[in-house]
PDB file of all heavy atoms in Angstrom:
ATOM      1  N   ASN A   1     -58.339-155.789-117.430  1.00  0.00           N
ATOM      2  CA  ASN A   1     -59.551-156.521-117.047  1.00  0.00           C
ATOM      3  C   ASN A   1     -59.740-156.649-115.547  1.00  0.00           C
ATOM      4  O   ASN A   1     -59.883-157.772-115.017  1.00  0.00           O
ATOM      5  CB  ASN A   1     -59.574-157.902-117.701  1.00  0.00           C
ATOM      6  CG  ASN A   1     -59.685-157.833-119.222  1.00  0.00           C
ATOM      7  OD1 ASN A   1     -59.913-156.774-119.758  1.00  0.00           O
ATOM      8  ND2 ASN A   1     -59.557-158.960-119.864  1.00  0.00           N
ATOM      9  N   PRO A   2     -59.772-155.546-114.802  1.00  0.00           N
ATOM     10  CA  PRO A   2     -59.974-155.660-113.360  1.00  0.00           C
ATOM     11  C   PRO A   2     -61.387-156.145-113.012  1.00  0.00           C
ATOM     12  O   PRO A   2     -62.335-155.953-113.781  1.00  0.00           O
ATOM     13  CB  PRO A   2     -59.784-154.210-112.870  1.00  0.00           C
ATOM     14  CG  PRO A   2     -60.143-153.379-114.045  1.00  0.00           C
ATOM     15  CD  PRO A   2     -59.671-154.118-115.257  1.00  0.00           C
ATOM     16  N   ASP A   3     -61.521-156.810-111.886  1.00  0.00           N
ATOM     17  CA  ASP A   3     -62.832-157.206-111.375  1.00  0.00           C
ATOM     18  C   ASP A   3     -63.379-156.027-110.553  1.00  0.00           C
ATOM     19  O   ASP A   3     -62.794-155.636-109.535  1.00  0.00           O
ATOM     20  CB  ASP A   3     -62.754-158.461-110.497  1.00  0.00           C
ATOM     21  CG  ASP A   3     -62.368-159.680-111.292  1.00  0.00           C
ATOM     22  OD1 ASP A   3     -62.869-159.815-112.447  1.00  0.00           O
ATOM     23  OD2 ASP A   3     -61.548-160.499-110.833  1.00  0.00           O
ATOM     24  N   LEU A   4     -64.529-155.483-110.978  1.00  0.00           N
ATOM     25  CA  LEU A   4     -65.101-154.337-110.313  1.00  0.00           C
ATOM     26  C   LEU A   4     -66.514-154.639-109.904  1.00  0.00           C
ATOM     27  O   LEU A   4     -67.323-155.096-110.723  1.00  0.00           O
ATOM     28  CB  LEU A   4     -65.085-153.136-111.239  1.00  0.00           C
ATOM     29  CG  LEU A   4     -63.742-152.653-111.738  1.00  0.00           C
ATOM     30  CD1 LEU A   4     -63.909-151.570-112.806  1.00  0.00           C
ATOM     31  CD2 LEU A   4     -62.911-152.075-110.577  1.00  0.00           C
ATOM     32  N   THR A   5     -66.833-154.411-108.641  1.00  0.00           N
ATOM     33  CA  THR A   5     -68.206-154.610-108.155  1.00  0.00           C
ATOM     34  C   THR A   5     -69.068-153.398-108.551  1.00  0.00           C
ATOM     35  O   THR A   5     -68.571-152.338-108.934  1.00  0.00           O
ATOM     36  CB  THR A   5     -68.249-154.768-106.642  1.00  0.00           C
ATOM     37  OG1 THR A   5     -67.823-153.513-106.050  1.00  0.00           O
ATOM     38  CG2 THR A   5     -67.303-155.887-106.173  1.00  0.00           C
ATOM     39  N   THR A   6     -70.372-153.588-108.453  1.00  0.00           N
ATOM     40  CA  THR A   6     -71.312-152.500-108.739  1.00  0.00           C
ATOM     41  C   THR A   6     -70.985-151.292-107.858  1.00  0.00           C
ATOM     42  O   THR A   6     -70.930-150.145-108.328  1.00  0.00           O
ATOM     43  CB  THR A   6     -72.737-152.968-108.438  1.00  0.00           C
ATOM     44  OG1 THR A   6     -73.068-154.004-109.332  1.00  0.00           O
ATOM     45  CG2 THR A   6     -73.737-151.833-108.607  1.00  0.00           C
ATOM     46  N   ARG A   7     -70.695-151.493-106.605  1.00  0.00           N
ATOM     47  CA  ARG A   7     -70.423-150.421-105.691  1.00  0.00           C
ATOM     48  C   ARG A   7     -69.121-149.709-105.990  1.00  0.00           C
ATOM     49  O   ARG A   7     -68.955-148.498-105.751  1.00  0.00           O
ATOM     50  CB  ARG A   7     -70.403-150.956-104.232  1.00  0.00           C
ATOM     51  CG  ARG A   7     -70.464-149.881-103.169  1.00  0.00           C
ATOM     52  CD  ARG A   7     -70.584-150.532-101.776  1.00  0.00           C
ATOM     53  NE  ARG A   7     -71.804-151.312-101.646  1.00  0.00           N
ATOM     54  CZ  ARG A   7     -72.968-150.810-101.277  1.00  0.00           C
ATOM     55  NH1 ARG A   7     -73.105-149.516-101.041  1.00  0.00           N
ATOM     56  NH2 ARG A   7     -74.029-151.569-101.163  1.00  0.00           N
ATOM     57  N   GLN A   8     -68.158-150.451-106.549  1.00  0.00           N
ATOM     58  CA  GLN A   8     -66.849-149.842-106.893  1.00  0.00           C
ATOM     59  C   GLN A   8     -66.923-148.917-108.096  1.00  0.00           C
ATOM     60  O   GLN A   8     -66.076-148.030-108.265  1.00  0.00           O
ATOM     61  CB  GLN A   8     -65.812-150.952-107.120  1.00  0.00           C
ATOM     62  CG  GLN A   8     -65.336-151.630-105.877  1.00  0.00           C
ATOM     63  CD  GLN A   8     -64.408-152.788-106.204  1.00  0.00           C
ATOM     64  OE1 GLN A   8     -64.631-153.598-107.109  1.00  0.00           O
ATOM     65  NE2 GLN A   8     -63.285-152.858-105.498  1.00  0.00           N
ATOM     66  N   LYS A   9     -67.915-149.131-108.961  1.00  0.00           N
ATOM     67  CA  LYS A   9     -67.959-148.389-110.243  1.00  0.00           C
ATOM     68  C   LYS A   9     -68.687-147.066-110.194  1.00  0.00           C
ATOM     69  O   LYS A   9     -68.359-146.167-110.938  1.00  0.00           O
ATOM     70  CB  LYS A   9     -68.579-149.280-111.324  1.00  0.00           C
ATOM     71  CG  LYS A   9     -67.728-150.463-111.735  1.00  0.00           C
ATOM     72  CD  LYS A   9     -68.279-151.157-112.977  1.00  0.00           C
ATOM     73  CE  LYS A   9     -69.567-151.891-112.693  1.00  0.00           C
ATOM     74  NZ  LYS A   9     -70.050-152.599-113.905  1.00  0.00           N
ATOM     75  N   HIS A  10     -69.708-146.937-109.322  1.00  0.00           N
ATOM     76  CA  HIS A  10     -70.496-145.724-109.295  1.00  0.00           C
ATOM     77  C   HIS A  10     -70.870-145.348-107.892  1.00  0.00           C
ATOM     78  O   HIS A  10     -70.975-146.177-107.009  1.00  0.00           O
ATOM     79  CB  HIS A  10     -71.814-145.924-110.090  1.00  0.00           C
ATOM     80  CG  HIS A  10     -71.674-146.165-111.515  1.00  0.00           C
ATOM     81  ND1 HIS A  10     -71.559-147.428-112.056  1.00  0.00           N
ATOM     82  CD2 HIS A  10     -71.593-145.305-112.569  1.00  0.00           C
ATOM     83  CE1 HIS A  10     -71.436-147.326-113.373  1.00  0.00           C
ATOM     84  NE2 HIS A  10     -71.449-146.087-113.688  1.00  0.00           N
ATOM     85  N   THR A  11     -71.126-144.039-107.712  1.00  0.00           N
ATOM     86  CA  THR A  11     -71.796-143.566-106.527  1.00  0.00           C
ATOM     87  C   THR A  11     -73.093-142.889-107.007  1.00  0.00           C
ATOM     88  O   THR A  11     -73.232-142.515-108.169  1.00  0.00           O
ATOM     89  CB  THR A  11     -70.958-142.563-105.714  1.00  0.00           C
ATOM     90  OG1 THR A  11     -70.649-141.436-106.548  1.00  0.00           O
ATOM     91  CG2 THR A  11     -69.691-143.238-105.246  1.00  0.00           C
ATOM     92  N   ARG A  12     -74.050-142.705-106.097  1.00  0.00           N
ATOM     93  CA  ARG A  12     -75.293-142.001-106.414  1.00  0.00           C
ATOM     94  C   ARG A  12     -75.503-140.866-105.432  1.00  0.00           C
ATOM     95  O   ARG A  12     -75.308-141.050-104.224  1.00  0.00           O
ATOM     96  CB  ARG A  12     -76.472-142.973-106.382  1.00  0.00           C
ATOM     97  CG  ARG A  12     -76.363-144.098-107.421  1.00  0.00           C
ATOM     98  CD  ARG A  12     -77.698-144.783-107.649  1.00  0.00           C
ATOM     99  NE  ARG A  12     -77.632-145.885-108.602  1.00  0.00           N
ATOM    100  CZ  ARG A  12     -77.670-145.738-109.928  1.00  0.00           C
ATOM    101  NH1 ARG A  12     -77.765-144.526-110.463  1.00  0.00           N
ATOM    102  NH2 ARG A  12     -77.617-146.778-110.724  1.00  0.00           N
ATOM    103  N   GLU A  13     -75.887-139.715-105.967  1.00  0.00           N
ATOM    104  CA  GLU A  13     -76.114-138.531-105.157  1.00  0.00           C
ATOM    105  C   GLU A  13     -77.512-137.997-105.417  1.00  0.00           C
ATOM    106  O   GLU A  13     -77.909-137.746-106.565  1.00  0.00           O
ATOM    107  CB  GLU A  13     -75.056-137.437-105.485  1.00  0.00           C
ATOM    108  CG  GLU A  13     -75.034-136.321-104.476  1.00  0.00           C
ATOM    109  CD  GLU A  13     -73.794-135.450-104.620  1.00  0.00           C
ATOM    110  OE1 GLU A  13     -73.101-135.557-105.649  1.00  0.00           O
ATOM    111  OE2 GLU A  13     -73.540-134.661-103.690  1.00  0.00           O
ATOM    112  N   CYS A  14     -78.279-137.877-104.331  1.00  0.00           N
ATOM    113  CA  CYS A  14     -79.717-137.484-104.444  1.00  0.00           C
ATOM    114  C   CYS A  14     -79.947-136.119-103.807  1.00  0.00           C
ATOM    115  O   CYS A  14     -79.504-135.901-102.678  1.00  0.00           O
ATOM    116  CB  CYS A  14     -80.572-138.531-103.770  1.00  0.00           C
ATOM    117  SG  CYS A  14     -80.199-140.252-104.234  1.00  0.00           S
ATOM    118  N   PHE A  15     -80.681-135.296-104.518  1.00  0.00           N
ATOM    119  CA  PHE A  15     -81.086-133.992-103.984  1.00  0.00           C
ATOM    120  C   PHE A  15     -82.612-134.019-103.896  1.00  0.00           C
ATOM    121  O   PHE A  15     -83.324-134.080-104.910  1.00  0.00           O
ATOM    122  CB  PHE A  15     -80.612-132.869-104.880  1.00  0.00           C
ATOM    123  CG  PHE A  15     -79.084-132.725-104.890  1.00  0.00           C
ATOM    124  CD1 PHE A  15     -78.331-133.502-105.758  1.00  0.00           C
ATOM    125  CD2 PHE A  15     -78.444-131.892-103.997  1.00  0.00           C
ATOM    126  CE1 PHE A  15     -76.947-133.417-105.743  1.00  0.00           C
ATOM    127  CE2 PHE A  15     -77.064-131.781-103.989  1.00  0.00           C
ATOM    128  CZ  PHE A  15     -76.304-132.557-104.870  1.00  0.00           C
ATOM    129  N   VAL A  16     -83.115-133.927-102.653  1.00  0.00           N
ATOM    130  CA  VAL A  16     -84.511-134.224-102.389  1.00  0.00           C
ATOM    131  C   VAL A  16     -85.219-133.049-101.697  1.00  0.00           C
ATOM    132  O   VAL A  16     -84.689-132.510-100.707  1.00  0.00           O
ATOM    133  CB  VAL A  16     -84.669-135.499-101.516  1.00  0.00           C
ATOM    134  CG1 VAL A  16     -86.131-135.823-101.279  1.00  0.00           C
ATOM    135  CG2 VAL A  16     -83.950-136.682-102.189  1.00  0.00           C
ATOM    136  N   VAL A  17     -86.387-132.708-102.209  1.00  0.00           N
ATOM    137  CA  VAL A  17     -87.225-131.697-101.566  1.00  0.00           C
ATOM    138  C   VAL A  17     -88.386-132.430-100.852  1.00  0.00           C
ATOM    139  O   VAL A  17     -89.114-133.217-101.497  1.00  0.00           O
ATOM    140  CB  VAL A  17     -87.813-130.712-102.575  1.00  0.00           C
ATOM    141  CG1 VAL A  17     -88.703-129.687-101.880  1.00  0.00           C
ATOM    142  CG2 VAL A  17     -86.712-130.037-103.362  1.00  0.00           C
ATOM    143  N   LEU A  18     -88.492-132.227 -99.551  1.00  0.00           N
ATOM    144  CA  LEU A  18     -89.522-132.898 -98.785  1.00  0.00           C
ATOM    145  C   LEU A  18     -90.815-132.069 -98.669  1.00  0.00           C
ATOM    146  O   LEU A  18     -90.767-130.808 -98.691  1.00  0.00           O
ATOM    147  CB  LEU A  18     -89.002-133.190 -97.379  1.00  0.00           C
ATOM    148  CG  LEU A  18     -87.811-134.151 -97.244  1.00  0.00           C
ATOM    149  CD1 LEU A  18     -87.290-134.165 -95.814  1.00  0.00           C
ATOM    150  CD2 LEU A  18     -88.193-135.559 -97.709  1.00  0.00           C
ATOM    151  N   LYS A  19     -91.927-132.764 -98.519  1.00  0.00           N
ATOM    152  CA  LYS A  19     -93.178-132.062 -98.231  1.00  0.00           C
ATOM    153  C   LYS A  19     -93.164-131.521 -96.813  1.00  0.00           C
ATOM    154  O   LYS A  19     -93.761-130.485 -96.515  1.00  0.00           O
ATOM    155  CB  LYS A  19     -94.332-133.032 -98.447  1.00  0.00           C
ATOM    156  CG  LYS A  19     -94.571-133.453 -99.867  1.00  0.00           C
ATOM    157  CD  LYS A  19     -95.712-134.437-100.005  1.00  0.00           C
ATOM    158  CE  LYS A  19     -95.905-134.846-101.450  1.00  0.00           C
ATOM    159  NZ  LYS A  19     -96.996-135.867-101.595  1.00  0.00           N
ATOM    160  N   ASP A  20     -92.425-132.258 -95.933  1.00  0.00           N
ATOM    161  CA  ASP A  20     -92.357-131.846 -94.549  1.00  0.00           C
ATOM    162  C   ASP A  20     -91.084-132.469 -93.997  1.00  0.00           C
ATOM    163  O   ASP A  20     -90.754-133.614 -94.311  1.00  0.00           O
ATOM    164  CB  ASP A  20     -93.568-132.335 -93.754  1.00  0.00           C
ATOM    165  CG  ASP A  20     -93.562-131.838 -92.307  1.00  0.00           C
ATOM    166  OD1 ASP A  20     -92.870-132.465 -91.505  1.00  0.00           O
ATOM    167  OD2 ASP A  20     -94.241-130.841 -92.033  1.00  0.00           O
ATOM    168  N   GLU A  21     -90.353-131.758 -93.127  1.00  0.00           N
ATOM    169  CA  GLU A  21     -89.083-132.248 -92.613  1.00  0.00           C
ATOM    170  C   GLU A  21     -89.258-133.543 -91.816  1.00  0.00           C
ATOM    171  O   GLU A  21     -88.306-134.317 -91.654  1.00  0.00           O
ATOM    172  CB  GLU A  21     -88.428-131.194 -91.740  1.00  0.00           C
ATOM    173  CG  GLU A  21     -87.905-129.988 -92.510  1.00  0.00           C
ATOM    174  CD  GLU A  21     -87.173-129.011 -91.625  1.00  0.00           C
ATOM    175  OE1 GLU A  21     -86.981-129.306 -90.426  1.00  0.00           O
ATOM    176  OE2 GLU A  21     -86.787-127.949 -92.125  1.00  0.00           O
ATOM    177  N   SER A  22     -90.432-133.796 -91.310  1.00  0.00           N
ATOM    178  CA  SER A  22     -90.641-134.984 -90.509  1.00  0.00           C
ATOM    179  C   SER A  22     -90.473-136.280 -91.315  1.00  0.00           C
ATOM    180  O   SER A  22     -90.289-137.358 -90.755  1.00  0.00           O
ATOM    181  CB  SER A  22     -92.046-134.989 -89.909  1.00  0.00           C
ATOM    182  OG  SER A  22     -93.030-135.008 -90.935  1.00  0.00           O
ATOM    183  N   TYR A  23     -90.466-136.195 -92.661  1.00  0.00           N
ATOM    184  CA  TYR A  23     -90.327-137.356 -93.492  1.00  0.00           C
ATOM    185  C   TYR A  23     -88.849-137.721 -93.737  1.00  0.00           C
ATOM    186  O   TYR A  23     -88.556-138.761 -94.318  1.00  0.00           O
ATOM    187  CB  TYR A  23     -90.939-137.112 -94.877  1.00  0.00           C
ATOM    188  CG  TYR A  23     -92.447-137.102 -94.925  1.00  0.00           C
ATOM    189  CD1 TYR A  23     -93.148-135.912 -94.980  1.00  0.00           C
ATOM    190  CD2 TYR A  23     -93.155-138.305 -94.931  1.00  0.00           C
ATOM    191  CE1 TYR A  23     -94.528-135.914 -95.017  1.00  0.00           C
ATOM    192  CE2 TYR A  23     -94.544-138.296 -95.010  1.00  0.00           C
ATOM    193  CZ  TYR A  23     -95.224-137.090 -95.055  1.00  0.00           C
ATOM    194  OH  TYR A  23     -96.597-137.105 -95.102  1.00  0.00           O
ATOM    195  N   ALA A  24     -87.920-136.903 -93.299  1.00  0.00           N
ATOM    196  CA  ALA A  24     -86.519-137.025 -93.684  1.00  0.00           C
ATOM    197  C   ALA A  24     -85.936-138.394 -93.429  1.00  0.00           C
ATOM    198  O   ALA A  24     -85.363-139.051 -94.328  1.00  0.00           O
ATOM    199  CB  ALA A  24     -85.690-135.941 -92.984  1.00  0.00           C
ATOM    200  N   GLU A  25     -86.024-138.876 -92.189  1.00  0.00           N
ATOM    201  CA  GLU A  25     -85.393-140.154 -91.840  1.00  0.00           C
ATOM    202  C   GLU A  25     -85.989-141.306 -92.646  1.00  0.00           C
ATOM    203  O   GLU A  25     -85.279-142.159 -93.180  1.00  0.00           O
ATOM    204  CB  GLU A  25     -85.564-140.407 -90.337  1.00  0.00           C
ATOM    205  CG  GLU A  25     -84.821-141.687 -89.878  1.00  0.00           C
ATOM    206  CD  GLU A  25     -84.931-141.861 -88.369  1.00  0.00           C
ATOM    207  OE1 GLU A  25     -85.361-140.918 -87.670  1.00  0.00           O
ATOM    208  OE2 GLU A  25     -84.586-142.990 -87.888  1.00  0.00           O
ATOM    209  N   LYS A  26     -87.322-141.322 -92.763  1.00  0.00           N
ATOM    210  CA  LYS A  26     -87.997-142.384 -93.501  1.00  0.00           C
ATOM    211  C   LYS A  26     -87.652-142.365 -94.966  1.00  0.00           C
ATOM    212  O   LYS A  26     -87.404-143.417 -95.581  1.00  0.00           O
ATOM    213  CB  LYS A  26     -89.518-142.222 -93.313  1.00  0.00           C
ATOM    214  CG  LYS A  26     -90.322-143.312 -94.011  1.00  0.00           C
ATOM    215  CD  LYS A  26     -91.831-143.069 -93.763  1.00  0.00           C
ATOM    216  CE  LYS A  26     -92.688-144.115 -94.481  1.00  0.00           C
ATOM    217  NZ  LYS A  26     -94.117-143.864 -94.305  1.00  0.00           N
ATOM    218  N   VAL A  27     -87.597-141.176 -95.563  1.00  0.00           N
ATOM    219  CA  VAL A  27     -87.298-141.058 -96.973  1.00  0.00           C
ATOM    220  C   VAL A  27     -85.867-141.487 -97.281  1.00  0.00           C
ATOM    221  O   VAL A  27     -85.609-142.236 -98.236  1.00  0.00           O
ATOM    222  CB  VAL A  27     -87.520-139.607 -97.479  1.00  0.00           C
ATOM    223  CG1 VAL A  27     -86.925-139.386 -98.842  1.00  0.00           C
ATOM    224  CG2 VAL A  27     -88.994-139.286 -97.505  1.00  0.00           C
ATOM    225  N   GLU A  28     -84.912-141.054 -96.460  1.00  0.00           N
ATOM    226  CA  GLU A  28     -83.535-141.452 -96.665  1.00  0.00           C
ATOM    227  C   GLU A  28     -83.361-142.966 -96.607  1.00  0.00           C
ATOM    228  O   GLU A  28     -82.660-143.568 -97.421  1.00  0.00           O
ATOM    229  CB  GLU A  28     -82.624-140.736 -95.651  1.00  0.00           C
ATOM    230  CG  GLU A  28     -81.137-141.101 -95.889  1.00  0.00           C
ATOM    231  CD  GLU A  28     -80.187-140.210 -95.084  1.00  0.00           C
ATOM    232  OE1 GLU A  28     -80.702-139.341 -94.327  1.00  0.00           O
ATOM    233  OE2 GLU A  28     -78.974-140.342 -95.257  1.00  0.00           O
TER     234      GLU A  28
END
């Protein structure tokens, strides 16, 4: 019965196609 936080249990990996590279920083 360990105590596990949400962050400790999963990671999320996103593969994203942009309409234009200029959106990259804002989208991330």
